[in-house]
Amino acid sequence: MIKLKIKSGDTVRVIAGDHKGSEGKVLRVLVDKNKAIVEGVNMVSKHTKPSAKNPQGGIVKKEAPIHISNIALVDPKTKETTRTGVRTEGDKKVRFSKKSNQVL
């Protein structure tokens, strides 16, 4: 199993595929499948049966998972995509941007 460098709450940009160029916040990371669910990206139409929660039923738009290799972290300072590194500051491990050297 590989360690993923993207966490939920990060702002990411899609760098490959149909939704290339779109940005959003990571809602959830599916570690076992190497995928992430990004807010407003890779929207699919899901047909739902009427239920107690949704008595009307019908077509619901929701985000589908997108592969980790197709998204890149956006540096909050420069607003560009960046890679991340890990370093220790004092006794804590922190993630930092390789472009701006800022702690994320």
N, C-alpha and C. Protein backbone atom coordinates (compact mmCIF):
# COMPACT_ATOMS: atom_id res chain seq x y z
N MET A 1 0.84 -1.19 0.00
CA MET A 1 0.00 0.00 0.00
C MET A 1 0.89 1.25 0.00
N ILE A 2 0.58 2.20 -0.89
CA ILE A 2 1.38 3.42 -0.96
C ILE A 2 0.77 4.51 -0.07
N LYS A 3 1.61 5.41 0.39
CA LYS A 3 1.14 6.52 1.22
C LYS A 3 0.65 7.62 0.29
N LEU A 4 -0.59 8.09 0.54
CA LEU A 4 -1.16 9.14 -0.29
C LEU A 4 -0.77 10.51 0.27
N LYS A 5 -0.47 11.44 -0.61
CA LYS A 5 -0.02 12.76 -0.19
C LYS A 5 -1.15 13.78 -0.17
N ILE A 6 -2.37 13.31 -0.40
CA ILE A 6 -3.53 14.20 -0.40
C ILE A 6 -4.45 13.79 0.74
N LYS A 7 -4.92 14.79 1.48
CA LYS A 7 -5.81 14.53 2.61
C LYS A 7 -7.14 15.23 2.37
N SER A 8 -8.18 14.82 3.11
CA SER A 8 -9.46 15.48 2.97
C SER A 8 -9.35 16.90 3.51
N GLY A 9 -9.99 17.83 2.81
CA GLY A 9 -9.89 19.24 3.17
C GLY A 9 -8.90 20.00 2.30
N ASP A 10 -8.01 19.30 1.58
CA ASP A 10 -7.05 19.95 0.68
C ASP A 10 -7.77 20.50 -0.55
N THR A 11 -7.24 21.58 -1.10
CA THR A 11 -7.73 22.09 -2.39
C THR A 11 -6.87 21.47 -3.48
N VAL A 12 -7.52 20.86 -4.46
CA VAL A 12 -6.79 20.18 -5.53
C VAL A 12 -7.28 20.64 -6.89
N ARG A 13 -6.43 20.44 -7.92
CA ARG A 13 -6.78 20.74 -9.30
C ARG A 13 -6.65 19.45 -10.10
N VAL A 14 -7.61 19.20 -11.00
CA VAL A 14 -7.57 18.01 -11.85
C VAL A 14 -6.57 18.28 -12.97
N ILE A 15 -5.60 17.37 -13.14
CA ILE A 15 -4.53 17.59 -14.12
C ILE A 15 -4.66 16.68 -15.34
N ALA A 16 -5.62 15.73 -15.32
CA ALA A 16 -5.81 14.83 -16.46
C ALA A 16 -7.24 14.35 -16.49
N GLY A 17 -7.72 14.03 -17.69
CA GLY A 17 -9.05 13.47 -17.84
C GLY A 17 -10.07 14.49 -18.32
N ASP A 18 -11.34 14.10 -18.28
CA ASP A 18 -12.43 14.93 -18.80
C ASP A 18 -12.60 16.24 -18.05
N HIS A 19 -12.27 16.26 -16.77
CA HIS A 19 -12.50 17.44 -15.94
C HIS A 19 -11.21 18.22 -15.69
N LYS A 20 -10.26 18.10 -16.61
CA LYS A 20 -8.96 18.75 -16.47
C LYS A 20 -9.11 20.26 -16.28
N GLY A 21 -8.41 20.81 -15.28
CA GLY A 21 -8.43 22.24 -15.02
C GLY A 21 -9.38 22.65 -13.91
N SER A 22 -10.34 21.80 -13.57
CA SER A 22 -11.30 22.19 -12.52
C SER A 22 -10.69 21.97 -11.14
N GLU A 23 -11.10 22.83 -10.20
CA GLU A 23 -10.58 22.79 -8.83
C GLU A 23 -11.70 22.50 -7.86
N GLY A 24 -11.33 21.96 -6.70
CA GLY A 24 -12.31 21.71 -5.65
C GLY A 24 -11.64 21.22 -4.39
N LYS A 25 -12.45 21.11 -3.35
CA LYS A 25 -11.97 20.65 -2.06
C LYS A 25 -12.17 19.15 -1.97
N VAL A 26 -11.20 18.43 -1.41
CA VAL A 26 -11.31 16.98 -1.25
C VAL A 26 -12.28 16.70 -0.11
N LEU A 27 -13.36 15.97 -0.42
CA LEU A 27 -14.35 15.62 0.59
C LEU A 27 -13.96 14.35 1.33
N ARG A 28 -13.42 13.39 0.58
CA ARG A 28 -13.10 12.09 1.14
C ARG A 28 -11.99 11.44 0.34
N VAL A 29 -11.11 10.68 1.00
CA VAL A 29 -10.04 9.95 0.32
C VAL A 29 -10.30 8.46 0.53
N LEU A 30 -10.39 7.72 -0.57
CA LEU A 30 -10.58 6.27 -0.52
C LEU A 30 -9.20 5.62 -0.67
N VAL A 31 -8.57 5.34 0.46
CA VAL A 31 -7.17 4.88 0.47
C VAL A 31 -7.02 3.52 -0.21
N ASP A 32 -7.96 2.61 0.05
CA ASP A 32 -7.84 1.27 -0.52
C ASP A 32 -7.96 1.24 -2.04
N LYS A 33 -8.67 2.23 -2.63
CA LYS A 33 -8.85 2.28 -4.09
C LYS A 33 -7.97 3.33 -4.76
N ASN A 34 -7.16 4.08 -3.99
CA ASN A 34 -6.32 5.17 -4.50
C ASN A 34 -7.15 6.23 -5.23
N LYS A 35 -8.32 6.56 -4.67
CA LYS A 35 -9.20 7.55 -5.29
C LYS A 35 -9.62 8.58 -4.26
N ALA A 36 -10.09 9.72 -4.76
CA ALA A 36 -10.58 10.79 -3.90
C ALA A 36 -11.87 11.34 -4.48
N ILE A 37 -12.74 11.83 -3.60
CA ILE A 37 -13.98 12.48 -4.02
C ILE A 37 -13.76 13.97 -3.86
N VAL A 38 -13.85 14.72 -4.98
CA VAL A 38 -13.58 16.15 -4.99
C VAL A 38 -14.89 16.89 -5.21
N GLU A 39 -15.11 17.94 -4.42
CA GLU A 39 -16.35 18.72 -4.47
C GLU A 39 -16.55 19.37 -5.83
N GLY A 40 -17.67 19.06 -6.49
CA GLY A 40 -18.03 19.66 -7.76
C GLY A 40 -17.30 19.12 -8.98
N VAL A 41 -16.51 18.06 -8.82
CA VAL A 41 -15.73 17.50 -9.93
C VAL A 41 -16.20 16.06 -10.18
N ASN A 42 -16.26 15.66 -11.45
CA ASN A 42 -16.64 14.31 -11.85
C ASN A 42 -18.07 13.98 -11.40
N MET A 43 -18.99 14.90 -11.72
CA MET A 43 -20.40 14.72 -11.34
C MET A 43 -21.05 13.67 -12.22
N VAL A 44 -21.80 12.75 -11.59
CA VAL A 44 -22.53 11.72 -12.32
C VAL A 44 -24.00 11.77 -11.92
N SER A 45 -24.87 11.29 -12.81
CA SER A 45 -26.30 11.22 -12.53
C SER A 45 -26.62 9.83 -12.00
N LYS A 46 -27.18 9.77 -10.80
CA LYS A 46 -27.53 8.49 -10.19
C LYS A 46 -29.04 8.39 -10.09
N HIS A 47 -29.58 7.32 -10.62
CA HIS A 47 -31.03 7.10 -10.55
C HIS A 47 -31.36 6.44 -9.22
N THR A 48 -32.25 7.08 -8.45
CA THR A 48 -32.59 6.54 -7.14
C THR A 48 -34.06 6.15 -7.07
N LYS A 49 -34.32 5.04 -6.39
CA LYS A 49 -35.70 4.59 -6.17
C LYS A 49 -36.29 5.41 -5.03
N PRO A 50 -37.59 5.61 -5.01
CA PRO A 50 -38.21 6.30 -3.88
C PRO A 50 -37.97 5.53 -2.58
N SER A 51 -37.63 6.26 -1.52
CA SER A 51 -37.39 5.65 -0.22
C SER A 51 -37.94 6.58 0.86
N ALA A 52 -37.80 6.17 2.11
CA ALA A 52 -38.26 7.02 3.21
C ALA A 52 -37.47 8.32 3.27
N LYS A 53 -36.17 8.22 2.99
CA LYS A 53 -35.31 9.41 3.01
C LYS A 53 -35.61 10.33 1.82
N ASN A 54 -35.85 9.73 0.65
CA ASN A 54 -36.12 10.48 -0.56
C ASN A 54 -37.42 9.96 -1.18
N PRO A 55 -38.59 10.45 -0.71
CA PRO A 55 -39.87 9.87 -1.17
C PRO A 55 -40.14 10.10 -2.66
N GLN A 56 -39.55 11.13 -3.25
CA GLN A 56 -39.78 11.44 -4.66
C GLN A 56 -39.01 10.49 -5.58
N GLY A 57 -37.77 10.13 -5.18
CA GLY A 57 -36.92 9.32 -6.07
C GLY A 57 -36.40 10.21 -7.18
N GLY A 58 -36.01 9.62 -8.31
CA GLY A 58 -35.57 10.40 -9.46
C GLY A 58 -34.07 10.38 -9.66
N ILE A 59 -33.58 11.38 -10.40
CA ILE A 59 -32.17 11.45 -10.77
C ILE A 59 -31.46 12.43 -9.83
N VAL A 60 -30.38 11.96 -9.22
CA VAL A 60 -29.61 12.77 -8.27
C VAL A 60 -28.20 12.95 -8.83
N LYS A 61 -27.70 14.19 -8.82
CA LYS A 61 -26.31 14.46 -9.24
C LYS A 61 -25.41 14.31 -8.03
N LYS A 62 -24.31 13.56 -8.17
CA LYS A 62 -23.36 13.42 -7.07
C LYS A 62 -21.94 13.24 -7.61
N GLU A 63 -20.96 13.48 -6.74
CA GLU A 63 -19.56 13.36 -7.15
C GLU A 63 -19.15 11.90 -7.16
N ALA A 64 -18.42 11.51 -8.21
CA ALA A 64 -17.86 10.16 -8.29
C ALA A 64 -16.37 10.26 -7.95
N PRO A 65 -15.78 9.17 -7.46
CA PRO A 65 -14.35 9.21 -7.13
C PRO A 65 -13.49 9.43 -8.37
N ILE A 66 -12.36 10.10 -8.18
CA ILE A 66 -11.39 10.35 -9.25
C ILE A 66 -10.04 9.84 -8.77
N HIS A 67 -9.25 9.26 -9.68
CA HIS A 67 -7.99 8.64 -9.27
C HIS A 67 -7.00 9.70 -8.77
N ILE A 68 -6.24 9.31 -7.75
CA ILE A 68 -5.28 10.21 -7.11
C ILE A 68 -4.24 10.74 -8.11
N SER A 69 -3.87 9.91 -9.09
CA SER A 69 -2.85 10.32 -10.05
C SER A 69 -3.33 11.44 -10.97
N ASN A 70 -4.66 11.66 -11.03
CA ASN A 70 -5.21 12.69 -11.91
C ASN A 70 -5.46 14.01 -11.20
N ILE A 71 -5.09 14.12 -9.92
CA ILE A 71 -5.26 15.37 -9.20
C ILE A 71 -3.94 15.80 -8.57
N ALA A 72 -3.78 17.12 -8.43
CA ALA A 72 -2.57 17.67 -7.83
C ALA A 72 -2.96 18.72 -6.80
N LEU A 73 -2.21 18.78 -5.74
CA LEU A 73 -2.47 19.72 -4.66
C LEU A 73 -2.19 21.15 -5.12
N VAL A 74 -3.05 22.09 -4.71
CA VAL A 74 -2.86 23.50 -5.06
C VAL A 74 -2.25 24.22 -3.86
N ASP A 75 -1.14 24.92 -4.11
CA ASP A 75 -0.46 25.70 -3.07
C ASP A 75 -1.34 26.90 -2.72
N PRO A 76 -1.71 27.08 -1.43
CA PRO A 76 -2.58 28.20 -1.08
C PRO A 76 -1.93 29.57 -1.31
N LYS A 77 -0.61 29.64 -1.30
CA LYS A 77 0.08 30.93 -1.46
C LYS A 77 0.19 31.33 -2.93
N THR A 78 0.69 30.42 -3.78
CA THR A 78 0.93 30.75 -5.18
C THR A 78 -0.23 30.40 -6.11
N LYS A 79 -1.20 29.62 -5.62
CA LYS A 79 -2.35 29.17 -6.42
C LYS A 79 -1.93 28.31 -7.60
N GLU A 80 -0.78 27.65 -7.50
CA GLU A 80 -0.29 26.73 -8.52
C GLU A 80 -0.24 25.33 -7.94
N THR A 81 -0.22 24.32 -8.83
CA THR A 81 -0.09 22.95 -8.34
C THR A 81 1.32 22.73 -7.80
N THR A 82 1.43 21.90 -6.80
CA THR A 82 2.71 21.66 -6.16
C THR A 82 2.81 20.23 -5.67
N ARG A 83 4.03 19.77 -5.44
CA ARG A 83 4.25 18.50 -4.78
C ARG A 83 4.50 18.79 -3.31
N THR A 84 4.37 17.76 -2.49
CA THR A 84 4.54 17.97 -1.05
C THR A 84 5.73 17.19 -0.53
N GLY A 85 6.27 17.69 0.56
CA GLY A 85 7.32 17.01 1.28
C GLY A 85 6.97 17.00 2.75
N VAL A 86 7.71 16.20 3.52
CA VAL A 86 7.49 16.13 4.96
C VAL A 86 8.79 16.44 5.65
N ARG A 87 8.72 17.32 6.66
CA ARG A 87 9.90 17.63 7.47
C ARG A 87 9.47 17.75 8.92
N THR A 88 10.44 17.70 9.82
CA THR A 88 10.12 17.83 11.24
C THR A 88 10.46 19.24 11.69
N GLU A 89 9.50 19.87 12.36
CA GLU A 89 9.72 21.17 12.96
C GLU A 89 9.51 20.99 14.45
N GLY A 90 10.60 21.06 15.19
CA GLY A 90 10.53 20.74 16.62
C GLY A 90 10.35 19.25 16.77
N ASP A 91 9.23 18.86 17.34
CA ASP A 91 8.95 17.42 17.47
C ASP A 91 7.74 16.99 16.65
N LYS A 92 7.28 17.88 15.74
CA LYS A 92 6.12 17.56 14.90
C LYS A 92 6.52 17.38 13.45
N LYS A 93 5.84 16.43 12.78
CA LYS A 93 6.02 16.26 11.34
C LYS A 93 5.02 17.15 10.63
N VAL A 94 5.49 17.94 9.67
CA VAL A 94 4.60 18.85 8.93
C VAL A 94 4.78 18.64 7.43
N ARG A 95 3.68 18.86 6.69
CA ARG A 95 3.73 18.82 5.23
C ARG A 95 4.09 20.21 4.74
N PHE A 96 4.91 20.28 3.67
CA PHE A 96 5.24 21.58 3.11
C PHE A 96 5.21 21.51 1.59
N SER A 97 4.97 22.67 0.98
CA SER A 97 4.92 22.79 -0.47
C SER A 97 6.34 22.84 -1.01
N LYS A 98 6.62 22.06 -2.05
CA LYS A 98 7.96 22.05 -2.64
C LYS A 98 8.22 23.32 -3.44
N LYS A 99 7.15 24.00 -3.94
CA LYS A 99 7.35 25.22 -4.73
C LYS A 99 7.62 26.42 -3.84
N SER A 100 6.77 26.63 -2.83
CA SER A 100 6.89 27.85 -2.01
C SER A 100 7.55 27.59 -0.67
N ASN A 101 7.81 26.34 -0.33
CA ASN A 101 8.45 25.95 0.93
C ASN A 101 7.59 26.33 2.14
N GLN A 102 6.28 26.58 1.92
CA GLN A 102 5.36 26.94 3.00
C GLN A 102 4.77 25.68 3.64
N VAL A 103 4.51 25.74 4.94
CA VAL A 103 3.85 24.63 5.63
C VAL A 103 2.38 24.60 5.22
N LEU A 104 1.88 23.42 4.90
CA LEU A 104 0.48 23.27 4.48
C LEU A 104 -0.41 22.93 5.66
